Each structure stands twice: as C-alpha cells, then as structure tokens.
Amino acid sequence: MKYSEKISERMWNQSDKGELEAERENTFIDDIVQKAHIERELLQSLDGIETAFDGGAGCGRFSILLAKQGVKVTHFDISQPMIDKAKELAEREGVIDRITFVKGALEDLSAYADRSFDLVMSFDSPISYTYPDQEKVIGELVRIAKKRIMISVSSRLGALPYMANPVQKNQFILDQDSKDPWVQWCISAREQMIENFSFNKENVLKAYESGLLSDPDEAKEAYDRGETPWSISYHFMPDELENILKKNDVKNIRLAGPGAYARTIPNEILVKIVKDPAQRKDFLEFCHQYDSNPYVCGMGKDNLFAKGEV
C-alpha cells in the first residue's frame, strides 16, 4: 500500500468524518455552491444511464441523488465511517436497495471489468488524493465507464490563492454558531493567522509549477510518527486534465470551476443570499452559468470539474 493510500485511509477513517462531512452543506457556503453545480450537471446527464459508479462517494450525497432517480449505484469509498453514514442516509431516503456499498481505494479498481457502468463519477477530489498515481486512476475510471464520466479534482489555479489568504475559509462560513470544530477554529484563529502570515513567493512558485501545495515527504514523516496529516493532494491545471481525458479517448469534454463567482463575494453578502430561498435559487443558477465559462474554469473555489462521453 502506497503512502497516498495509507494517509487517506487514516484521515478519512477518523470516527467523526462521516457526521462532519454529511453536514458540510449546512456549514460552508462553498460546499453548497460546488454541490449544487454538480447536482445540476448530473440531473442533466442521466439520459440512457441505468448504472453508476461513485468513486470516493463519501456520505452518499450523489449516490443517493442518483438512486432516487432510479439509477443502480455502486458507492465506493476508502472510509468506513463515511460508508456507515451513507447507509444511514440511504435508508432514511428509502433507496438503500438501489445502492451497493464497497470499501476500497481508487488506486485499485481491478475488480471491475471494462465498461462496467453507464456513468462513472468521482467528486470532491478523491482522485487528487491518489498522488502520484492520479493520471493512472483517471485512466482506470474511464476504463470502467461505458457512456459518460464526470469528475472533480483539486484545482491548481483555484487553490494557489490560499497561499496568500490563510483565512479564506472564513468567507464561506454559513453559521458562526455552528458546533463544527473546524468552524470554531477558523473563527478563533483568524486574527492569529493574519498576524503570523507572510507571503512566500518561492513557495507559491514551487506549488504553481509542481501542483503540490504541501510537501509529500512531510506528510509521510507525520504519518510515520502516528499523526493524521491531510491527504497528499495533487492540483491539476485545466489543460492538463483535459489532455489526460483526451488521451483516454474521452470525447465532448467540458470543464468548469464551481465557486469561481462566489469567491468574489464577502461573507456577509453570501450569508444573506443563501438564507433567502428566492435569492439562493437565482444565485446558484447564475453561479452554474458563470462557473461553466471556460475563461474562469480554473478559478473554481477548490475543484476543477470535467465531464465527457466515452
């Protein structure tokens, strides 16, 4: 087992991950925008789709969505707490009989034959967590897709601004009184993060060129010490992702950057919009249109989205 897989397994198998991840859309506005974009794309792309593979499916946000549309879904994830939460939610929604739950890592999809699923999807960057095998994993996901593939990966152009903005997540907090420990940490540590920040051009250029915002060796050392570092993450450039898909014979590729529009808006305004149902609906519809423009696709908040035909 490679370090990328070992680190991801340790991080995502923390006992509280299932509950925390299931609440992200009630916690952070950028999650609302990103998931609304993907939901819209999925619901517009279900013609001829009877089976789907959801790689890195988490708590079942999209597995359950498709199951409710009558699709038979294989929910594949490295995290048992995530799978347990997804089962709970699928039971609640009455679709557990349409979902097959499998614990596994994207680095090994050998159990699945070529063209096994009408639709293959993988959202919220699990592909990026397979570094240095991210290109091979994309090829494997395409291999098991019969008709359509839809993925999102970590965006290099979207993530680089984080290196000049240590409080970027504060912009997207929906409820300042949330019990989520990450929300409370972001709020309590805000002033200290600003005070301690200094811009490091050398580090930013290194990340720009390599696609790695942190040092993989440091993550490995932390893992060996028994710590739980964040998964090693590779960040893609838009043309890079498109070329990998083309190399695997994916056609009619479309890219988008969910969150590109929302990242320009201050927290106070975002909260006001999202808490008003009419404004929220119109806002999310326009975000989808704006974020799908090829000129901004690399500047999505966290992810670079791609869809294509096999």
C-alpha atoms as a PDB file:
ATOM      1  CA  MET A   1       0.000   0.000   0.000  1.00  0.00           C
ATOM      2  CA  LYS A   2       1.423   3.395  -1.029  1.00  0.00           C
ATOM      3  CA  TYR A   3       1.659   6.383   1.301  1.00  0.00           C
ATOM      4  CA  SER A   4      -1.104   8.231  -0.542  1.00  0.00           C
ATOM      5  CA  GLU A   5      -3.499   5.401   0.189  1.00  0.00           C
ATOM      6  CA  LYS A   6      -2.324   4.857   3.776  1.00  0.00           C
ATOM      7  CA  ILE A   7      -2.564   8.573   4.620  1.00  0.00           C
ATOM      8  CA  SER A   8      -6.007   8.939   3.020  1.00  0.00           C
ATOM      9  CA  GLU A   9      -7.288   5.842   4.773  1.00  0.00           C
ATOM     10  CA  ARG A  10      -6.127   7.089   8.181  1.00  0.00           C
ATOM     11  CA  MET A  11      -7.533  10.581   7.649  1.00  0.00           C
ATOM     12  CA  TRP A  12     -10.923   9.653   6.222  1.00  0.00           C
ATOM     13  CA  ASN A  13     -11.455   6.773   8.667  1.00  0.00           C
ATOM     14  CA  GLN A  14     -11.468   9.072  11.685  1.00  0.00           C
ATOM     15  CA  SER A  15     -14.613   8.262  13.648  1.00  0.00           C
ATOM     16  CA  ASP A  16     -16.211  11.704  13.254  1.00  0.00           C
ATOM     17  CA  LYS A  17     -15.649  12.070   9.497  1.00  0.00           C
ATOM     18  CA  GLY A  18     -18.992  10.649   8.477  1.00  0.00           C
ATOM     19  CA  GLU A  19     -21.023  13.027  10.624  1.00  0.00           C
ATOM     20  CA  LEU A  20     -18.913  16.114   9.801  1.00  0.00           C
ATOM     21  CA  GLU A  21     -18.859  15.559   6.052  1.00  0.00           C
ATOM     22  CA  ALA A  22     -22.601  14.914   5.957  1.00  0.00           C
ATOM     23  CA  GLU A  23     -23.166  18.389   7.393  1.00  0.00           C
ATOM     24  CA  ARG A  24     -20.854  20.365   5.069  1.00  0.00           C
ATOM     25  CA  GLU A  25     -23.750  21.898   3.107  1.00  0.00           C
ATOM     26  CA  ASN A  26     -25.180  23.202   6.369  1.00  0.00           C
ATOM     27  CA  THR A  27     -21.793  24.565   7.392  1.00  0.00           C
ATOM     28  CA  PHE A  28     -19.926  26.103   4.459  1.00  0.00           C
ATOM     29  CA  ILE A  29     -21.321  28.076   1.512  1.00  0.00           C
ATOM     30  CA  ASP A  30     -18.597  26.957  -0.882  1.00  0.00           C
ATOM     31  CA  ASP A  31     -19.806  23.372  -0.370  1.00  0.00           C
ATOM     32  CA  ILE A  32     -23.348  24.470  -1.199  1.00  0.00           C
ATOM     33  CA  VAL A  33     -22.198  26.119  -4.441  1.00  0.00           C
ATOM     34  CA  GLN A  34     -19.986  23.229  -5.524  1.00  0.00           C
ATOM     35  CA  LYS A  35     -22.529  20.508  -4.811  1.00  0.00           C
ATOM     36  CA  ALA A  36     -25.342  22.477  -6.453  1.00  0.00           C
ATOM     37  CA  HIS A  37     -23.219  22.748  -9.599  1.00  0.00           C
ATOM     38  CA  ILE A  38     -22.516  19.010  -9.682  1.00  0.00           C
ATOM     39  CA  GLU A  39     -26.143  18.128  -8.929  1.00  0.00           C
ATOM     40  CA  ARG A  40     -27.333  20.243 -11.840  1.00  0.00           C
ATOM     41  CA  GLU A  41     -24.812  18.588 -14.173  1.00  0.00           C
ATOM     42  CA  LEU A  42     -25.787  15.093 -13.027  1.00  0.00           C
ATOM     43  CA  LEU A  43     -29.525  15.605 -13.375  1.00  0.00           C
ATOM     44  CA  GLN A  44     -28.999  16.988 -16.888  1.00  0.00           C
ATOM     45  CA  SER A  45     -26.896  13.962 -17.894  1.00  0.00           C
ATOM     46  CA  LEU A  46     -28.984  10.916 -16.968  1.00  0.00           C
ATOM     47  CA  ASP A  47     -30.342  10.009 -20.405  1.00  0.00           C
ATOM     48  CA  GLY A  48     -29.507   6.345 -21.005  1.00  0.00           C
ATOM     49  CA  ILE A  49     -27.963   5.951 -17.539  1.00  0.00           C
ATOM     50  CA  GLU A  50     -29.071   2.862 -15.617  1.00  0.00           C
ATOM     51  CA  THR A  51     -25.911   2.084 -13.616  1.00  0.00           C
ATOM     52  CA  ALA A  52     -23.329   4.340 -11.963  1.00  0.00           C
ATOM     53  CA  PHE A  53     -20.061   4.044 -10.069  1.00  0.00           C
ATOM     54  CA  ASP A  54     -19.380   6.732  -7.466  1.00  0.00           C
ATOM     55  CA  GLY A  55     -15.660   6.683  -6.627  1.00  0.00           C
ATOM     56  CA  GLY A  56     -14.831   8.328  -3.327  1.00  0.00           C
ATOM     57  CA  ALA A  57     -18.544   8.613  -2.673  1.00  0.00           C
ATOM     58  CA  GLY A  58     -18.259   9.859   0.910  1.00  0.00           C
ATOM     59  CA  CYS A  59     -21.564  10.180   2.715  1.00  0.00           C
ATOM     60  CA  GLY A  60     -23.567   9.472  -0.410  1.00  0.00           C
ATOM     61  CA  ARG A  61     -24.540  12.997  -1.470  1.00  0.00           C
ATOM     62  CA  PHE A  62     -24.584  11.966  -5.137  1.00  0.00           C
ATOM     63  CA  SER A  63     -25.046   8.204  -4.794  1.00  0.00           C
ATOM     64  CA  ILE A  64     -28.345   8.858  -3.049  1.00  0.00           C
ATOM     65  CA  LEU A  65     -29.311  11.559  -5.558  1.00  0.00           C
ATOM     66  CA  LEU A  66     -28.922   9.134  -8.462  1.00  0.00           C
ATOM     67  CA  ALA A  67     -30.567   6.259  -6.605  1.00  0.00           C
ATOM     68  CA  LYS A  68     -33.611   8.485  -6.121  1.00  0.00           C
ATOM     69  CA  GLN A  69     -33.685   8.871  -9.910  1.00  0.00           C
ATOM     70  CA  GLY A  70     -33.839   5.081 -10.276  1.00  0.00           C
ATOM     71  CA  VAL A  71     -30.151   4.511 -11.067  1.00  0.00           C
ATOM     72  CA  LYS A  72     -28.385   1.472  -9.581  1.00  0.00           C
ATOM     73  CA  VAL A  73     -25.284   2.865  -7.888  1.00  0.00           C
ATOM     74  CA  THR A  74     -22.046   1.332  -6.632  1.00  0.00           C
ATOM     75  CA  HIS A  75     -20.924   3.519  -3.732  1.00  0.00           C
ATOM     76  CA  PHE A  76     -17.137   3.094  -3.416  1.00  0.00           C
ATOM     77  CA  ASP A  77     -15.133   4.740  -0.653  1.00  0.00           C
ATOM     78  CA  ILE A  78     -11.981   4.272   1.439  1.00  0.00           C
ATOM     79  CA  SER A  79     -13.701   5.323   4.674  1.00  0.00           C
ATOM     80  CA  GLN A  80     -15.887   3.010   6.746  1.00  0.00           C
ATOM     81  CA  PRO A  81     -17.362   5.909   8.793  1.00  0.00           C
ATOM     82  CA  MET A  82     -18.374   7.576   5.512  1.00  0.00           C
ATOM     83  CA  ILE A  83     -19.946   4.372   4.224  1.00  0.00           C
ATOM     84  CA  ASP A  84     -21.802   3.861   7.519  1.00  0.00           C
ATOM     85  CA  LYS A  85     -23.216   7.386   7.329  1.00  0.00           C
ATOM     86  CA  ALA A  86     -24.144   6.917   3.673  1.00  0.00           C
ATOM     87  CA  LYS A  87     -26.036   3.723   4.541  1.00  0.00           C
ATOM     88  CA  GLU A  88     -27.911   5.574   7.276  1.00  0.00           C
ATOM     89  CA  LEU A  89     -28.887   8.377   4.901  1.00  0.00           C
ATOM     90  CA  ALA A  90     -29.799   5.979   2.089  1.00  0.00           C
ATOM     91  CA  GLU A  91     -32.053   4.050   4.482  1.00  0.00           C
ATOM     92  CA  ARG A  92     -33.697   7.298   5.537  1.00  0.00           C
ATOM     93  CA  GLU A  93     -34.303   8.249   1.885  1.00  0.00           C
ATOM     94  CA  GLY A  94     -35.677   4.821   1.027  1.00  0.00           C
ATOM     95  CA  VAL A  95     -33.084   3.966  -1.626  1.00  0.00           C
ATOM     96  CA  ILE A  96     -30.676   1.611   0.140  1.00  0.00           C
ATOM     97  CA  ASP A  97     -31.838  -1.283  -2.060  1.00  0.00           C
ATOM     98  CA  ARG A  98     -30.511   0.564  -5.144  1.00  0.00           C
ATOM     99  CA  ILE A  99     -27.007   1.133  -3.741  1.00  0.00           C
ATOM    100  CA  THR A 100     -24.159  -1.350  -3.380  1.00  0.00           C
ATOM    101  CA  PHE A 101     -21.603  -0.218  -0.797  1.00  0.00           C
ATOM    102  CA  VAL A 102     -17.951  -1.157  -1.316  1.00  0.00           C
ATOM    103  CA  LYS A 103     -14.953  -0.206   0.829  1.00  0.00           C
ATOM    104  CA  GLY A 104     -11.860   0.291  -1.298  1.00  0.00           C
ATOM    105  CA  ALA A 105      -9.231   2.663  -2.671  1.00  0.00           C
ATOM    106  CA  LEU A 106      -9.318   4.275  -6.108  1.00  0.00           C
ATOM    107  CA  GLU A 107      -5.764   3.079  -6.659  1.00  0.00           C
ATOM    108  CA  ASP A 108      -7.180  -0.418  -7.248  1.00  0.00           C
ATOM    109  CA  LEU A 109     -10.233  -0.827  -9.471  1.00  0.00           C
ATOM    110  CA  SER A 110      -9.133  -4.203 -10.822  1.00  0.00           C
ATOM    111  CA  ALA A 111     -12.326  -5.846  -9.537  1.00  0.00           C
ATOM    112  CA  TYR A 112     -14.311  -4.043 -12.247  1.00  0.00           C
ATOM    113  CA  ALA A 113     -14.346  -5.058 -15.898  1.00  0.00           C
ATOM    114  CA  ASP A 114     -14.083  -2.632 -18.787  1.00  0.00           C
ATOM    115  CA  ARG A 115     -17.272  -0.611 -19.410  1.00  0.00           C
ATOM    116  CA  SER A 116     -18.969  -1.894 -16.252  1.00  0.00           C
ATOM    117  CA  PHE A 117     -21.040   1.245 -15.559  1.00  0.00           C
ATOM    118  CA  ASP A 118     -23.026   3.605 -17.765  1.00  0.00           C
ATOM    119  CA  LEU A 119     -21.809   6.558 -15.689  1.00  0.00           C
ATOM    120  CA  VAL A 120     -18.624   6.853 -13.657  1.00  0.00           C
ATOM    121  CA  MET A 121     -18.298   9.802 -11.281  1.00  0.00           C
ATOM    122  CA  SER A 122     -15.811  10.929  -8.658  1.00  0.00           C
ATOM    123  CA  PHE A 123     -16.309  14.239  -6.909  1.00  0.00           C
ATOM    124  CA  ASP A 124     -14.620  16.465  -4.336  1.00  0.00           C
ATOM    125  CA  SER A 125     -11.030  15.482  -5.183  1.00  0.00           C
ATOM    126  CA  PRO A 126     -10.521  11.819  -4.216  1.00  0.00           C
ATOM    127  CA  ILE A 127      -8.587  11.464  -7.490  1.00  0.00           C
ATOM    128  CA  SER A 128      -6.162  14.158  -6.352  1.00  0.00           C
ATOM    129  CA  TYR A 129      -5.550  12.228  -3.139  1.00  0.00           C
ATOM    130  CA  THR A 130      -4.078   9.299  -5.111  1.00  0.00           C
ATOM    131  CA  TYR A 131      -0.847  11.194  -5.940  1.00  0.00           C
ATOM    132  CA  PRO A 132       1.447  10.167  -7.600  1.00  0.00           C
ATOM    133  CA  ASP A 133      -0.982   7.814  -9.393  1.00  0.00           C
ATOM    134  CA  GLN A 134      -3.650  10.388 -10.225  1.00  0.00           C
ATOM    135  CA  GLU A 135      -3.287  10.043 -14.017  1.00  0.00           C
ATOM    136  CA  LYS A 136      -3.453   6.242 -13.841  1.00  0.00           C
ATOM    137  CA  VAL A 137      -6.558   6.471 -11.645  1.00  0.00           C
ATOM    138  CA  ILE A 138      -8.305   8.708 -14.181  1.00  0.00           C
ATOM    139  CA  GLY A 139      -7.483   6.149 -16.857  1.00  0.00           C
ATOM    140  CA  GLU A 140      -8.978   3.388 -14.719  1.00  0.00           C
ATOM    141  CA  LEU A 141     -12.147   5.393 -14.095  1.00  0.00           C
ATOM    142  CA  VAL A 142     -12.520   5.940 -17.833  1.00  0.00           C
ATOM    143  CA  ARG A 143     -11.883   2.234 -18.447  1.00  0.00           C
ATOM    144  CA  ILE A 144     -14.863   1.134 -16.355  1.00  0.00           C
ATOM    145  CA  ALA A 145     -17.189   3.777 -17.882  1.00  0.00           C
ATOM    146  CA  LYS A 146     -19.487   2.759 -20.730  1.00  0.00           C
ATOM    147  CA  LYS A 147     -21.131   6.062 -21.671  1.00  0.00           C
ATOM    148  CA  ARG A 148     -20.176   9.028 -19.514  1.00  0.00           C
ATOM    149  CA  ILE A 149     -17.601  10.207 -16.993  1.00  0.00           C
ATOM    150  CA  MET A 150     -17.910  13.141 -14.581  1.00  0.00           C
ATOM    151  CA  ILE A 151     -15.156  14.044 -12.099  1.00  0.00           C
ATOM    152  CA  SER A 152     -13.849  16.881  -9.996  1.00  0.00           C
ATOM    153  CA  VAL A 153     -10.225  17.218  -8.925  1.00  0.00           C
ATOM    154  CA  SER A 154      -8.230  19.735  -6.913  1.00  0.00           C
ATOM    155  CA  SER A 155      -7.685  22.894  -8.957  1.00  0.00           C
ATOM    156  CA  ARG A 156      -4.204  24.385  -9.056  1.00  0.00           C
ATOM    157  CA  LEU A 157      -5.250  27.875 -10.136  1.00  0.00           C
ATOM    158  CA  GLY A 158      -8.174  27.770  -7.725  1.00  0.00           C
ATOM    159  CA  ALA A 159      -6.070  26.675  -4.761  1.00  0.00           C
ATOM    160  CA  LEU A 160      -2.986  28.871  -5.198  1.00  0.00           C
ATOM    161  CA  PRO A 161      -4.739  31.973  -3.775  1.00  0.00           C
ATOM    162  CA  TYR A 162      -4.993  30.068  -0.458  1.00  0.00           C
ATOM    163  CA  MET A 163      -1.244  30.576  -0.117  1.00  0.00           C
ATOM    164  CA  ALA A 164      -1.872  34.326   0.159  1.00  0.00           C
ATOM    165  CA  ASN A 165      -5.063  34.040   2.205  1.00  0.00           C
ATOM    166  CA  PRO A 166      -4.855  31.984   5.403  1.00  0.00           C
ATOM    167  CA  VAL A 167      -8.432  32.955   6.360  1.00  0.00           C
ATOM    168  CA  GLN A 168     -10.051  32.064   3.039  1.00  0.00           C
ATOM    169  CA  LYS A 169     -12.430  29.545   4.633  1.00  0.00           C
ATOM    170  CA  ASN A 170     -13.937  32.225   6.899  1.00  0.00           C
ATOM    171  CA  GLN A 171     -15.529  33.816   3.831  1.00  0.00           C
ATOM    172  CA  PHE A 172     -17.767  30.787   3.422  1.00  0.00           C
ATOM    173  CA  ILE A 173     -18.936  30.082   6.983  1.00  0.00           C
ATOM    174  CA  LEU A 174     -22.726  29.907   6.898  1.00  0.00           C
ATOM    175  CA  ASP A 175     -23.405  29.808  10.644  1.00  0.00           C
ATOM    176  CA  GLN A 176     -20.956  31.432  13.044  1.00  0.00           C
ATOM    177  CA  ASP A 177     -22.557  29.453  15.900  1.00  0.00           C
ATOM    178  CA  SER A 178     -22.046  26.079  14.239  1.00  0.00           C
ATOM    179  CA  LYS A 179     -20.802  23.309  16.537  1.00  0.00           C
ATOM    180  CA  ASP A 180     -18.430  22.088  13.827  1.00  0.00           C
ATOM    181  CA  PRO A 181     -14.938  22.276  15.398  1.00  0.00           C
ATOM    182  CA  TRP A 182     -13.423  23.468  12.119  1.00  0.00           C
ATOM    183  CA  VAL A 183     -15.816  26.434  12.005  1.00  0.00           C
ATOM    184  CA  GLN A 184     -14.965  27.398  15.560  1.00  0.00           C
ATOM    185  CA  TRP A 185     -11.240  27.000  14.890  1.00  0.00           C
ATOM    186  CA  CYS A 186     -11.458  29.235  11.795  1.00  0.00           C
ATOM    187  CA  ILE A 187     -13.188  31.928  13.835  1.00  0.00           C
ATOM    188  CA  SER A 188     -10.968  31.718  16.917  1.00  0.00           C
ATOM    189  CA  ALA A 189      -7.690  31.532  14.970  1.00  0.00           C
ATOM    190  CA  ARG A 190      -8.488  34.232  12.415  1.00  0.00           C
ATOM    191  CA  GLU A 191      -6.557  37.114  13.946  1.00  0.00           C
ATOM    192  CA  GLN A 192      -3.561  34.963  14.798  1.00  0.00           C
ATOM    193  CA  MET A 193      -3.415  33.582  11.254  1.00  0.00           C
ATOM    194  CA  ILE A 194      -3.419  37.109   9.842  1.00  0.00           C
ATOM    195  CA  GLU A 195      -0.774  38.285  12.286  1.00  0.00           C
ATOM    196  CA  ASN A 196       1.523  35.333  11.578  1.00  0.00           C
ATOM    197  CA  PHE A 197       1.130  35.408   7.792  1.00  0.00           C
ATOM    198  CA  SER A 198       3.855  36.434   5.381  1.00  0.00           C
ATOM    199  CA  PHE A 199       3.833  35.930   1.624  1.00  0.00           C
ATOM    200  CA  ASN A 200       6.470  33.496   0.373  1.00  0.00           C
ATOM    201  CA  LYS A 201       6.945  33.858  -3.369  1.00  0.00           C
ATOM    202  CA  GLU A 202       9.318  30.892  -3.580  1.00  0.00           C
ATOM    203  CA  ASN A 203       6.769  28.516  -2.055  1.00  0.00           C
ATOM    204  CA  VAL A 204       3.963  29.818  -4.269  1.00  0.00           C
ATOM    205  CA  LEU A 205       6.057  29.405  -7.423  1.00  0.00           C
ATOM    206  CA  LYS A 206       7.009  25.894  -6.358  1.00  0.00           C
ATOM    207  CA  ALA A 207       3.343  24.998  -5.903  1.00  0.00           C
ATOM    208  CA  TYR A 208       2.434  26.643  -9.203  1.00  0.00           C
ATOM    209  CA  GLU A 209       4.987  24.525 -11.044  1.00  0.00           C
ATOM    210  CA  SER A 210       4.537  21.214  -9.203  1.00  0.00           C
ATOM    211  CA  GLY A 211       0.835  21.112  -8.363  1.00  0.00           C
ATOM    212  CA  LEU A 212       1.697  20.285  -4.744  1.00  0.00           C
ATOM    213  CA  LEU A 213       0.803  22.911  -2.153  1.00  0.00           C
ATOM    214  CA  SER A 214       2.441  20.947   0.643  1.00  0.00           C
ATOM    215  CA  ASP A 215       5.473  18.666   0.924  1.00  0.00           C
ATOM    216  CA  PRO A 216       4.629  14.947   0.440  1.00  0.00           C
ATOM    217  CA  ASP A 217       7.711  13.955   2.452  1.00  0.00           C
ATOM    218  CA  GLU A 218       6.468  15.935   5.443  1.00  0.00           C
ATOM    219  CA  ALA A 219       3.105  14.157   5.215  1.00  0.00           C
ATOM    220  CA  LYS A 220       4.862  10.783   5.098  1.00  0.00           C
ATOM    221  CA  GLU A 221       7.001  11.645   8.123  1.00  0.00           C
ATOM    222  CA  ALA A 222       3.923  12.794  10.050  1.00  0.00           C
ATOM    223  CA  TYR A 223       2.150   9.556   9.165  1.00  0.00           C
ATOM    224  CA  ASP A 224       5.115   7.504  10.381  1.00  0.00           C
ATOM    225  CA  ARG A 225       5.019   9.409  13.685  1.00  0.00           C
ATOM    226  CA  GLY A 226       1.445   8.229  14.144  1.00  0.00           C
ATOM    227  CA  GLU A 227      -0.146  11.573  13.224  1.00  0.00           C
ATOM    228  CA  THR A 228      -3.051  12.104  10.832  1.00  0.00           C
ATOM    229  CA  PRO A 229      -1.889  14.507   8.112  1.00  0.00           C
ATOM    230  CA  TRP A 230      -4.157  15.791   5.358  1.00  0.00           C
ATOM    231  CA  SER A 231      -4.099  13.570   2.285  1.00  0.00           C
ATOM    232  CA  ILE A 232      -1.277  14.313  -0.152  1.00  0.00           C
ATOM    233  CA  SER A 233      -3.083  16.334  -2.826  1.00  0.00           C
ATOM    234  CA  TYR A 234      -2.166  16.924  -6.452  1.00  0.00           C
ATOM    235  CA  HIS A 235      -3.713  20.018  -8.046  1.00  0.00           C
ATOM    236  CA  PHE A 236      -4.479  19.978 -11.767  1.00  0.00           C
ATOM    237  CA  MET A 237      -4.260  22.676 -14.411  1.00  0.00           C
ATOM    238  CA  PRO A 238      -7.322  22.798 -16.724  1.00  0.00           C
ATOM    239  CA  ASP A 239      -5.464  21.911 -19.924  1.00  0.00           C
ATOM    240  CA  GLU A 240      -3.637  19.117 -18.109  1.00  0.00           C
ATOM    241  CA  LEU A 241      -6.890  17.476 -17.005  1.00  0.00           C
ATOM    242  CA  GLU A 242      -8.423  17.890 -20.449  1.00  0.00           C
ATOM    243  CA  ASN A 243      -5.396  16.316 -22.126  1.00  0.00           C
ATOM    244  CA  ILE A 244      -5.442  13.316 -19.772  1.00  0.00           C
ATOM    245  CA  LEU A 245      -9.088  12.717 -20.591  1.00  0.00           C
ATOM    246  CA  LYS A 246      -8.426  13.090 -24.319  1.00  0.00           C
ATOM    247  CA  LYS A 247      -5.541  10.626 -24.083  1.00  0.00           C
ATOM    248  CA  ASN A 248      -8.048   8.141 -22.669  1.00  0.00           C
ATOM    249  CA  ASP A 249     -10.389   8.753 -25.624  1.00  0.00           C
ATOM    250  CA  VAL A 250     -12.968  10.814 -23.747  1.00  0.00           C
ATOM    251  CA  LYS A 251     -14.988  12.983 -26.145  1.00  0.00           C
ATOM    252  CA  ASN A 252     -17.038  16.183 -25.855  1.00  0.00           C
ATOM    253  CA  ILE A 253     -15.128  17.299 -22.764  1.00  0.00           C
ATOM    254  CA  ARG A 254     -16.469  20.256 -20.798  1.00  0.00           C
ATOM    255  CA  LEU A 255     -14.685  21.893 -17.886  1.00  0.00           C
ATOM    256  CA  ALA A 256     -15.987  24.156 -15.131  1.00  0.00           C
ATOM    257  CA  GLY A 257     -14.773  25.810 -11.960  1.00  0.00           C
ATOM    258  CA  PRO A 258     -17.520  25.647  -9.318  1.00  0.00           C
ATOM    259  CA  GLY A 259     -17.111  28.553  -6.924  1.00  0.00           C
ATOM    260  CA  ALA A 260     -15.375  30.985  -9.278  1.00  0.00           C
ATOM    261  CA  TYR A 261     -18.207  33.527  -8.970  1.00  0.00           C
ATOM    262  CA  ALA A 262     -18.907  33.004  -5.262  1.00  0.00           C
ATOM    263  CA  ARG A 263     -15.274  33.516  -4.251  1.00  0.00           C
ATOM    264  CA  THR A 264     -15.577  37.201  -5.238  1.00  0.00           C
ATOM    265  CA  ILE A 265     -18.337  37.922  -2.681  1.00  0.00           C
ATOM    266  CA  PRO A 266     -17.852  38.773   1.038  1.00  0.00           C
ATOM    267  CA  ASN A 267     -19.238  36.526   3.745  1.00  0.00           C
ATOM    268  CA  GLU A 268     -21.974  38.912   4.899  1.00  0.00           C
ATOM    269  CA  ILE A 269     -23.497  39.060   1.411  1.00  0.00           C
ATOM    270  CA  LEU A 270     -23.108  35.329   0.770  1.00  0.00           C
ATOM    271  CA  VAL A 271     -24.920  34.512   4.028  1.00  0.00           C
ATOM    272  CA  LYS A 272     -27.733  36.940   3.166  1.00  0.00           C
ATOM    273  CA  ILE A 273     -28.170  35.386  -0.280  1.00  0.00           C
ATOM    274  CA  VAL A 274     -28.047  31.767   0.853  1.00  0.00           C
ATOM    275  CA  LYS A 275     -30.502  32.245   3.705  1.00  0.00           C
ATOM    276  CA  ASP A 276     -33.147  33.728   1.390  1.00  0.00           C
ATOM    277  CA  PRO A 277     -34.735  30.910  -0.678  1.00  0.00           C
ATOM    278  CA  ALA A 278     -35.532  33.050  -3.733  1.00  0.00           C
ATOM    279  CA  GLN A 279     -32.121  34.725  -3.849  1.00  0.00           C
ATOM    280  CA  ARG A 280     -30.395  31.403  -3.207  1.00  0.00           C
ATOM    281  CA  LYS A 281     -32.122  29.696  -6.147  1.00  0.00           C
ATOM    282  CA  ASP A 282     -31.277  32.515  -8.577  1.00  0.00           C
ATOM    283  CA  PHE A 283     -27.738  32.820  -7.236  1.00  0.00           C
ATOM    284  CA  LEU A 284     -26.940  29.119  -7.623  1.00  0.00           C
ATOM    285  CA  GLU A 285     -28.367  29.097 -11.143  1.00  0.00           C
ATOM    286  CA  PHE A 286     -26.165  32.024 -12.152  1.00  0.00           C
ATOM    287  CA  CYS A 287     -23.136  30.536 -10.403  1.00  0.00           C
ATOM    288  CA  HIS A 288     -23.541  27.454 -12.563  1.00  0.00           C
ATOM    289  CA  GLN A 289     -23.663  29.549 -15.726  1.00  0.00           C
ATOM    290  CA  TYR A 290     -20.698  31.746 -14.755  1.00  0.00           C
ATOM    291  CA  ASP A 291     -18.565  28.909 -13.387  1.00  0.00           C
ATOM    292  CA  SER A 292     -19.106  26.888 -16.586  1.00  0.00           C
ATOM    293  CA  ASN A 293     -17.497  29.601 -18.707  1.00  0.00           C
ATOM    294  CA  PRO A 294     -14.155  28.213 -19.977  1.00  0.00           C
ATOM    295  CA  TYR A 295     -12.430  31.508 -19.196  1.00  0.00           C
ATOM    296  CA  VAL A 296     -12.951  31.034 -15.437  1.00  0.00           C
ATOM    297  CA  CYS A 297     -12.951  27.240 -15.154  1.00  0.00           C
ATOM    298  CA  GLY A 298      -9.542  27.112 -13.478  1.00  0.00           C
ATOM    299  CA  MET A 299     -10.533  29.538 -10.747  1.00  0.00           C
ATOM    300  CA  GLY A 300     -13.157  27.442  -9.014  1.00  0.00           C
ATOM    301  CA  LYS A 301     -13.010  27.593  -5.237  1.00  0.00           C
ATOM    302  CA  ASP A 302     -11.441  24.167  -4.666  1.00  0.00           C
ATOM    303  CA  ASN A 303     -12.269  21.920  -7.562  1.00  0.00           C
ATOM    304  CA  LEU A 304     -11.918  21.659 -11.304  1.00  0.00           C
ATOM    305  CA  PHE A 305     -14.925  19.865 -12.787  1.00  0.00           C
ATOM    306  CA  ALA A 306     -14.910  17.827 -16.002  1.00  0.00           C
ATOM    307  CA  LYS A 307     -17.464  15.779 -17.884  1.00  0.00           C
ATOM    308  CA  GLY A 308     -17.231  13.855 -21.139  1.00  0.00           C
ATOM    309  CA  GLU A 309     -18.502  10.974 -23.230  1.00  0.00           C
ATOM    310  CA  VAL A 310     -16.793   7.605 -23.531  1.00  0.00           C
END
